[in-house]
Amino acid sequence: SPTYADFVKDRFTISRDNAQFTVYMQMNYLSTADTAV
């Protein structure tokens, strides 16, 4: 079950694939305010 900060709602998607030992974050509609590590 995912939860999101307000500033990324409807733009970012967190997911996990336990079988592949991998976690993801899909980031769409990026803005300059998303610049970060």
All heavy atoms as atom14 arrays in JSON, in Angstrom:
{
  "sequence": "SPTYADFVKDRFTISRDNAQFTVYMQMNYLSTADTAV",
  "atom14_mask": [
    [1, 1, 1, 1, 1, 1, 0, 0, 0, 0, 0, 0, 0, 0],
    [1, 1, 1, 1, 1, 1, 1, 0, 0, 0, 0, 0, 0, 0],
    [1, 1, 1, 1, 1, 1, 1, 0, 0, 0, 0, 0, 0, 0],
    [1, 1, 1, 1, 1, 1, 1, 1, 1, 1, 1, 1, 0, 0],
    [1, 1, 1, 1, 1, 0, 0, 0, 0, 0, 0, 0, 0, 0],
    [1, 1, 1, 1, 1, 1, 1, 1, 0, 0, 0, 0, 0, 0],
    [1, 1, 1, 1, 1, 1, 1, 1, 1, 1, 1, 0, 0, 0],
    [1, 1, 1, 1, 1, 1, 1, 0, 0, 0, 0, 0, 0, 0],
    [1, 1, 1, 1, 1, 1, 1, 1, 1, 0, 0, 0, 0, 0],
    [1, 1, 1, 1, 1, 1, 1, 1, 0, 0, 0, 0, 0, 0],
    [1, 1, 1, 1, 1, 1, 1, 1, 1, 1, 1, 0, 0, 0],
    [1, 1, 1, 1, 1, 1, 1, 1, 1, 1, 1, 0, 0, 0],
    [1, 1, 1, 1, 1, 1, 1, 0, 0, 0, 0, 0, 0, 0],
    [1, 1, 1, 1, 1, 1, 1, 1, 0, 0, 0, 0, 0, 0],
    [1, 1, 1, 1, 1, 1, 0, 0, 0, 0, 0, 0, 0, 0],
    [1, 1, 1, 1, 1, 1, 1, 1, 1, 1, 1, 0, 0, 0],
    [1, 1, 1, 1, 1, 1, 1, 1, 0, 0, 0, 0, 0, 0],
    [1, 1, 1, 1, 1, 1, 1, 1, 0, 0, 0, 0, 0, 0],
    [1, 1, 1, 1, 1, 0, 0, 0, 0, 0, 0, 0, 0, 0],
    [1, 1, 1, 1, 1, 1, 1, 1, 1, 0, 0, 0, 0, 0],
    [1, 1, 1, 1, 1, 1, 1, 1, 1, 1, 1, 0, 0, 0],
    [1, 1, 1, 1, 1, 1, 1, 0, 0, 0, 0, 0, 0, 0],
    [1, 1, 1, 1, 1, 1, 1, 0, 0, 0, 0, 0, 0, 0],
    [1, 1, 1, 1, 1, 1, 1, 1, 1, 1, 1, 1, 0, 0],
    [1, 1, 1, 1, 1, 1, 1, 1, 0, 0, 0, 0, 0, 0],
    [1, 1, 1, 1, 1, 1, 1, 1, 1, 0, 0, 0, 0, 0],
    [1, 1, 1, 1, 1, 1, 1, 1, 0, 0, 0, 0, 0, 0],
    [1, 1, 1, 1, 1, 1, 1, 1, 0, 0, 0, 0, 0, 0],
    [1, 1, 1, 1, 1, 1, 1, 1, 1, 1, 1, 1, 0, 0],
    [1, 1, 1, 1, 1, 1, 1, 1, 0, 0, 0, 0, 0, 0],
    [1, 1, 1, 1, 1, 1, 0, 0, 0, 0, 0, 0, 0, 0],
    [1, 1, 1, 1, 1, 1, 1, 0, 0, 0, 0, 0, 0, 0],
    [1, 1, 1, 1, 1, 0, 0, 0, 0, 0, 0, 0, 0, 0],
    [1, 1, 1, 1, 1, 1, 1, 1, 0, 0, 0, 0, 0, 0],
    [1, 1, 1, 1, 1, 1, 1, 0, 0, 0, 0, 0, 0, 0],
    [1, 1, 1, 1, 1, 0, 0, 0, 0, 0, 0, 0, 0, 0],
    [1, 1, 1, 1, 1, 1, 1, 0, 0, 0, 0, 0, 0, 0]
  ],
  "atom14_positions": [
    [[0.83, -1.2, 0.0], [0.0, 0.0, 0.0], [0.87, 1.25, 0.0], [1.67, 1.44, 0.92], [-0.93, 0.01, 1.21], [-1.82, -1.09, 1.17], [0.0, 0.0, 0.0], [0.0, 0.0, 0.0], [0.0, 0.0, 0.0], [0.0, 0.0, 0.0], [0.0, 0.0, 0.0], [0.0, 0.0, 0.0], [0.0, 0.0, 0.0], [0.0, 0.0, 0.0]],
    [[0.72, 2.14, -0.99], [1.55, 3.33, -1.07], [0.93, 4.55, -0.4], [-0.3, 4.68, -0.31], [1.66, 3.57, -2.57], [0.33, 3.13, -3.09], [-0.1, 1.97, -2.21], [0.0, 0.0, 0.0], [0.0, 0.0, 0.0], [0.0, 0.0, 0.0], [0.0, 0.0, 0.0], [0.0, 0.0, 0.0], [0.0, 0.0, 0.0], [0.0, 0.0, 0.0]],
    [[1.78, 5.44, 0.06], [1.4, 6.78, 0.47], [2.39, 7.76, -0.11], [3.55, 7.41, -0.37], [1.33, 6.94, 2.0], [2.62, 6.63, 2.56], [0.28, 6.03, 2.59], [0.0, 0.0, 0.0], [0.0, 0.0, 0.0], [0.0, 0.0, 0.0], [0.0, 0.0, 0.0], [0.0, 0.0, 0.0], [0.0, 0.0, 0.0], [0.0, 0.0, 0.0]],
    [[1.95, 9.02, -0.31], [2.76, 10.02, -0.99], [2.71, 11.34, -0.27], [1.68, 11.71, 0.31], [2.27, 10.22, -2.42], [2.32, 8.98, -3.26], [1.2, 8.17, -3.4], [3.49, 8.61, -3.92], [1.25, 7.02, -4.17], [3.54, 7.46, -4.69], [2.42, 6.66, -4.82], [2.47, 5.53, -5.57], [0.0, 0.0, 0.0], [0.0, 0.0, 0.0]],
    [[3.81, 12.06, -0.33], [3.79, 13.45, 0.08], [2.89, 14.24, -0.86], [2.75, 13.92, -2.04], [5.21, 14.02, 0.05], [0.0, 0.0, 0.0], [0.0, 0.0, 0.0], [0.0, 0.0, 0.0], [0.0, 0.0, 0.0], [0.0, 0.0, 0.0], [0.0, 0.0, 0.0], [0.0, 0.0, 0.0], [0.0, 0.0, 0.0], [0.0, 0.0, 0.0]],
    [[2.3, 15.3, -0.33], [1.37, 16.1, -1.13], [2.02, 16.64, -2.4], [1.36, 16.75, -3.45], [0.82, 17.26, -0.31], [-0.18, 16.82, 0.73], [-0.71, 15.69, 0.62], [-0.45, 17.61, 1.66], [0.0, 0.0, 0.0], [0.0, 0.0, 0.0], [0.0, 0.0, 0.0], [0.0, 0.0, 0.0], [0.0, 0.0, 0.0], [0.0, 0.0, 0.0]],
    [[3.29, 16.97, -2.35], [3.93, 17.62, -3.49], [4.24, 16.67, -4.64], [4.68, 17.13, -5.7], [5.2, 18.37, -3.04], [6.19, 17.56, -2.25], [7.08, 16.7, -2.87], [6.23, 17.67, -0.87], [7.99, 15.97, -2.13], [7.15, 16.94, -0.12], [8.02, 16.09, -0.75], [0.0, 0.0, 0.0], [0.0, 0.0, 0.0], [0.0, 0.0, 0.0]],
    [[4.01, 15.36, -4.47], [4.21, 14.42, -5.57], [2.95, 13.62, -5.9], [2.99, 12.81, -6.84], [5.37, 13.46, -5.3], [6.66, 14.23, -5.05], [5.06, 12.52, -4.14], [0.0, 0.0, 0.0], [0.0, 0.0, 0.0], [0.0, 0.0, 0.0], [0.0, 0.0, 0.0], [0.0, 0.0, 0.0], [0.0, 0.0, 0.0], [0.0, 0.0, 0.0]],
    [[1.86, 13.84, -5.2], [0.64, 13.09, -5.46], [0.2, 13.28, -6.91], [0.22, 14.38, -7.45], [-0.47, 13.53, -4.52], [-0.32, 12.97, -3.12], [-1.45, 13.41, -2.22], [-1.31, 12.82, -0.84], [-2.36, 13.3, 0.08], [0.0, 0.0, 0.0], [0.0, 0.0, 0.0], [0.0, 0.0, 0.0], [0.0, 0.0, 0.0], [0.0, 0.0, 0.0]],
    [[-0.2, 12.19, -7.53], [-0.67, 12.14, -8.91], [0.45, 12.32, -9.93], [0.17, 12.38, -11.13], [-1.79, 13.15, -9.17], [-2.97, 12.97, -8.25], [-3.37, 11.81, -8.03], [-3.49, 13.98, -7.75], [0.0, 0.0, 0.0], [0.0, 0.0, 0.0], [0.0, 0.0, 0.0], [0.0, 0.0, 0.0], [0.0, 0.0, 0.0], [0.0, 0.0, 0.0]],
    [[1.68, 12.39, -9.48], [2.82, 12.5, -10.39], [3.81, 11.34, -10.24], [4.38, 10.9, -11.23], [3.58, 13.81, -10.18], [2.74, 15.05, -10.45], [3.62, 16.29, -10.49], [4.28, 16.53, -9.21], [5.6, 16.64, -9.05], [6.41, 16.53, -10.09], [6.12, 16.88, -7.85], [0.0, 0.0, 0.0], [0.0, 0.0, 0.0], [0.0, 0.0, 0.0]],
    [[4.04, 10.9, -9.01], [5.02, 9.85, -8.72], [4.31, 8.56, -8.33], [3.23, 8.59, -7.72], [5.94, 10.25, -7.56], [6.9, 11.37, -7.86], [6.83, 12.12, -9.02], [7.9, 11.67, -6.93], [7.71, 13.15, -9.27], [8.79, 12.69, -7.17], [8.7, 13.44, -8.34], [0.0, 0.0, 0.0], [0.0, 0.0, 0.0], [0.0, 0.0, 0.0]],
    [[4.94, 7.43, -8.62], [4.41, 6.13, -8.24], [5.53, 5.28, -7.65], [6.53, 5.02, -8.33], [3.79, 5.4, -9.43], [2.77, 6.2, -10.03], [3.19, 4.07, -8.98], [0.0, 0.0, 0.0], [0.0, 0.0, 0.0], [0.0, 0.0, 0.0], [0.0, 0.0, 0.0], [0.0, 0.0, 0.0], [0.0, 0.0, 0.0], [0.0, 0.0, 0.0]],
    [[5.36, 4.86, -6.41], [6.3, 3.96, -5.77], [5.81, 2.53, -5.97], [4.6, 2.26, -5.92], [6.46, 4.3, -4.27], [7.56, 3.44, -3.63], [5.15, 4.15, -3.52], [7.9, 3.86, -2.21], [0.0, 0.0, 0.0], [0.0, 0.0, 0.0], [0.0, 0.0, 0.0], [0.0, 0.0, 0.0], [0.0, 0.0, 0.0], [0.0, 0.0, 0.0]],
    [[6.72, 1.61, -6.19], [6.36, 0.22, -6.37], [7.5, -0.67, -5.92], [8.63, -0.21, -5.7], [5.97, -0.08, -7.83], [7.06, 0.15, -8.7], [0.0, 0.0, 0.0], [0.0, 0.0, 0.0], [0.0, 0.0, 0.0], [0.0, 0.0, 0.0], [0.0, 0.0, 0.0], [0.0, 0.0, 0.0], [0.0, 0.0, 0.0], [0.0, 0.0, 0.0]],
    [[7.19, -1.94, -5.78], [8.2, -2.9, -5.37], [8.0, -4.21, -6.11], [6.87, -4.6, -6.4], [8.15, -3.13, -3.84], [6.83, -3.7, -3.34], [6.7, -3.58, -1.83], [7.75, -4.32, -1.13], [8.08, -4.14, 0.15], [7.44, -3.22, 0.87], [9.04, -4.86, 0.69], [0.0, 0.0, 0.0], [0.0, 0.0, 0.0], [0.0, 0.0, 0.0]],
    [[9.09, -4.87, -6.42], [9.08, -6.18, -7.02], [9.99, -7.05, -6.17], [11.2, -7.13, -6.42], [9.53, -6.14, -8.47], [9.33, -7.46, -9.19], [9.21, -8.5, -8.53], [9.3, -7.45, -10.44], [0.0, 0.0, 0.0], [0.0, 0.0, 0.0], [0.0, 0.0, 0.0], [0.0, 0.0, 0.0], [0.0, 0.0, 0.0], [0.0, 0.0, 0.0]],
    [[9.41, -7.66, -5.17], [10.22, -8.42, -4.21], [10.98, -9.57, -4.87], [12.11, -9.86, -4.5], [9.34, -8.96, -3.09], [8.77, -7.88, -2.2], [9.22, -6.73, -2.23], [7.78, -8.24, -1.4], [0.0, 0.0, 0.0], [0.0, 0.0, 0.0], [0.0, 0.0, 0.0], [0.0, 0.0, 0.0], [0.0, 0.0, 0.0], [0.0, 0.0, 0.0]],
    [[10.34, -10.2, -5.85], [10.98, -11.31, -6.53], [12.23, -10.88, -7.28], [13.16, -11.68, -7.46], [10.01, -11.99, -7.48], [0.0, 0.0, 0.0], [0.0, 0.0, 0.0], [0.0, 0.0, 0.0], [0.0, 0.0, 0.0], [0.0, 0.0, 0.0], [0.0, 0.0, 0.0], [0.0, 0.0, 0.0], [0.0, 0.0, 0.0], [0.0, 0.0, 0.0]],
    [[12.27, -9.63, -7.75], [13.43, -9.1, -8.45], [14.34, -8.29, -7.54], [15.3, -7.67, -8.02], [12.98, -8.23, -9.62], [12.24, -9.0, -10.71], [13.13, -10.01, -11.39], [14.3, -9.74, -11.69], [12.59, -11.2, -11.64], [0.0, 0.0, 0.0], [0.0, 0.0, 0.0], [0.0, 0.0, 0.0], [0.0, 0.0, 0.0], [0.0, 0.0, 0.0]],
    [[14.05, -8.27, -6.24], [14.87, -7.57, -5.26], [15.02, -6.09, -5.61], [16.09, -5.5, -5.38], [16.25, -8.24, -5.13], [16.19, -9.67, -4.7], [16.12, -10.69, -5.63], [16.2, -10.01, -3.36], [16.07, -12.03, -5.23], [16.15, -11.32, -2.95], [16.08, -12.34, -3.89], [0.0, 0.0, 0.0], [0.0, 0.0, 0.0], [0.0, 0.0, 0.0]],
    [[13.97, -5.48, -6.13], [14.05, -4.14, -6.65], [12.87, -3.29, -6.2], [11.73, -3.78, -6.14], [14.11, -4.15, -8.18], [15.19, -5.0, -8.61], [14.34, -2.76, -8.73], [0.0, 0.0, 0.0], [0.0, 0.0, 0.0], [0.0, 0.0, 0.0], [0.0, 0.0, 0.0], [0.0, 0.0, 0.0], [0.0, 0.0, 0.0], [0.0, 0.0, 0.0]],
    [[13.15, -2.03, -5.89], [12.11, -1.05, -5.64], [12.25, 0.06, -6.67], [13.34, 0.33, -7.16], [12.16, -0.49, -4.2], [11.98, -1.61, -3.2], [13.48, 0.24, -3.95], [0.0, 0.0, 0.0], [0.0, 0.0, 0.0], [0.0, 0.0, 0.0], [0.0, 0.0, 0.0], [0.0, 0.0, 0.0], [0.0, 0.0, 0.0], [0.0, 0.0, 0.0]],
    [[11.14, 0.71, -6.99], [11.09, 1.7, -8.05], [10.37, 2.95, -7.58], [9.54, 2.93, -6.68], [10.34, 1.17, -9.27], [10.88, -0.1, -9.87], [10.32, -1.33, -9.54], [11.93, -0.07, -10.76], [10.8, -2.51, -10.09], [12.43, -1.23, -11.32], [11.85, -2.45, -10.98], [12.34, -3.61, -11.53], [0.0, 0.0, 0.0], [0.0, 0.0, 0.0]],
    [[10.68, 4.04, -8.26], [9.83, 5.21, -8.2], [9.75, 5.81, -9.6], [10.76, 6.29, -10.14], [10.29, 6.26, -7.2], [9.22, 7.33, -7.01], [9.46, 8.3, -5.51], [10.99, 9.13, -5.91], [0.0, 0.0, 0.0], [0.0, 0.0, 0.0], [0.0, 0.0, 0.0], [0.0, 0.0, 0.0], [0.0, 0.0, 0.0], [0.0, 0.0, 0.0]],
    [[8.56, 5.75, -10.18], [8.29, 6.4, -11.45], [7.92, 7.85, -11.18], [7.01, 8.12, -10.39], [7.15, 5.69, -12.18], [6.76, 6.3, -13.51], [7.83, 6.14, -14.55], [8.43, 5.08, -14.67], [8.09, 7.2, -15.31], [0.0, 0.0, 0.0], [0.0, 0.0, 0.0], [0.0, 0.0, 0.0], [0.0, 0.0, 0.0], [0.0, 0.0, 0.0]],
    [[8.59, 8.77, -11.84], [8.39, 10.19, -11.64], [7.98, 10.81, -12.96], [8.74, 10.81, -13.92], [9.66, 10.85, -11.1], [10.2, 10.19, -9.84], [11.6, 11.09, -9.12], [12.79, 10.91, -10.44], [0.0, 0.0, 0.0], [0.0, 0.0, 0.0], [0.0, 0.0, 0.0], [0.0, 0.0, 0.0], [0.0, 0.0, 0.0], [0.0, 0.0, 0.0]],
    [[6.77, 11.35, -12.99], [6.22, 11.99, -14.18], [5.96, 13.46, -13.91], [5.86, 13.89, -12.76], [4.93, 11.31, -14.61], [5.11, 9.85, -14.97], [6.13, 9.45, -15.51], [4.09, 9.04, -14.68], [0.0, 0.0, 0.0], [0.0, 0.0, 0.0], [0.0, 0.0, 0.0], [0.0, 0.0, 0.0], [0.0, 0.0, 0.0], [0.0, 0.0, 0.0]],
    [[5.82, 14.22, -14.98], [5.52, 15.65, -14.9], [6.49, 16.36, -13.96], [6.09, 17.15, -13.09], [4.07, 15.87, -14.46], [3.07, 15.17, -15.34], [2.45, 14.0, -14.93], [2.75, 15.69, -16.6], [1.54, 13.35, -15.75], [1.85, 15.04, -17.42], [1.24, 13.87, -16.99], [0.34, 13.23, -17.8], [0.0, 0.0, 0.0], [0.0, 0.0, 0.0]],
    [[7.75, 16.08, -14.14], [8.77, 16.64, -13.26], [8.87, 18.15, -13.44], [8.72, 18.68, -14.55], [10.11, 15.98, -13.54], [10.25, 14.56, -13.0], [11.39, 13.83, -13.69], [10.44, 14.58, -11.49], [0.0, 0.0, 0.0], [0.0, 0.0, 0.0], [0.0, 0.0, 0.0], [0.0, 0.0, 0.0], [0.0, 0.0, 0.0], [0.0, 0.0, 0.0]],
    [[9.16, 18.82, -12.34], [9.38, 20.26, -12.34], [10.74, 20.56, -11.73], [11.37, 19.69, -11.12], [8.27, 20.98, -11.58], [8.4, 20.78, -10.19], [0.0, 0.0, 0.0], [0.0, 0.0, 0.0], [0.0, 0.0, 0.0], [0.0, 0.0, 0.0], [0.0, 0.0, 0.0], [0.0, 0.0, 0.0], [0.0, 0.0, 0.0], [0.0, 0.0, 0.0]],
    [[11.18, 21.8, -11.88], [12.47, 22.18, -11.31], [12.51, 21.98, -9.8], [13.58, 21.74, -9.24], [12.81, 23.63, -11.66], [11.76, 24.49, -11.2], [12.97, 23.8, -13.16], [0.0, 0.0, 0.0], [0.0, 0.0, 0.0], [0.0, 0.0, 0.0], [0.0, 0.0, 0.0], [0.0, 0.0, 0.0], [0.0, 0.0, 0.0], [0.0, 0.0, 0.0]],
    [[11.37, 22.08, -9.13], [11.31, 21.88, -7.69], [11.63, 20.45, -7.27], [11.89, 20.19, -6.1], [9.94, 22.28, -7.15], [0.0, 0.0, 0.0], [0.0, 0.0, 0.0], [0.0, 0.0, 0.0], [0.0, 0.0, 0.0], [0.0, 0.0, 0.0], [0.0, 0.0, 0.0], [0.0, 0.0, 0.0], [0.0, 0.0, 0.0], [0.0, 0.0, 0.0]],
    [[11.59, 19.51, -8.22], [11.92, 18.13, -7.93], [13.41, 17.85, -7.98], [13.83, 16.72, -7.69], [11.2, 17.2, -8.9], [9.69, 17.28, -8.8], [9.18, 17.26, -7.65], [9.03, 17.37, -9.84], [0.0, 0.0, 0.0], [0.0, 0.0, 0.0], [0.0, 0.0, 0.0], [0.0, 0.0, 0.0], [0.0, 0.0, 0.0], [0.0, 0.0, 0.0]],
    [[14.21, 18.82, -8.33], [15.66, 18.63, -8.39], [16.2, 18.33, -7.0], [16.01, 19.11, -6.06], [16.34, 19.86, -8.97], [15.93, 20.04, -10.32], [17.86, 19.72, -8.92], [0.0, 0.0, 0.0], [0.0, 0.0, 0.0], [0.0, 0.0, 0.0], [0.0, 0.0, 0.0], [0.0, 0.0, 0.0], [0.0, 0.0, 0.0], [0.0, 0.0, 0.0]],
    [[16.87, 17.19, -6.84], [17.37, 16.75, -5.55], [18.14, 15.46, -5.74], [18.1, 14.84, -6.81], [16.22, 16.52, -4.56], [0.0, 0.0, 0.0], [0.0, 0.0, 0.0], [0.0, 0.0, 0.0], [0.0, 0.0, 0.0], [0.0, 0.0, 0.0], [0.0, 0.0, 0.0], [0.0, 0.0, 0.0], [0.0, 0.0, 0.0], [0.0, 0.0, 0.0]],
    [[18.83, 15.04, -4.68], [19.35, 13.69, -4.61], [18.28, 12.82, -3.98], [17.75, 13.14, -2.91], [20.65, 13.62, -3.8], [21.15, 12.17, -3.7], [21.73, 14.49, -4.44], [0.0, 0.0, 0.0], [0.0, 0.0, 0.0], [0.0, 0.0, 0.0], [0.0, 0.0, 0.0], [0.0, 0.0, 0.0], [0.0, 0.0, 0.0], [0.0, 0.0, 0.0]]
  ]
}
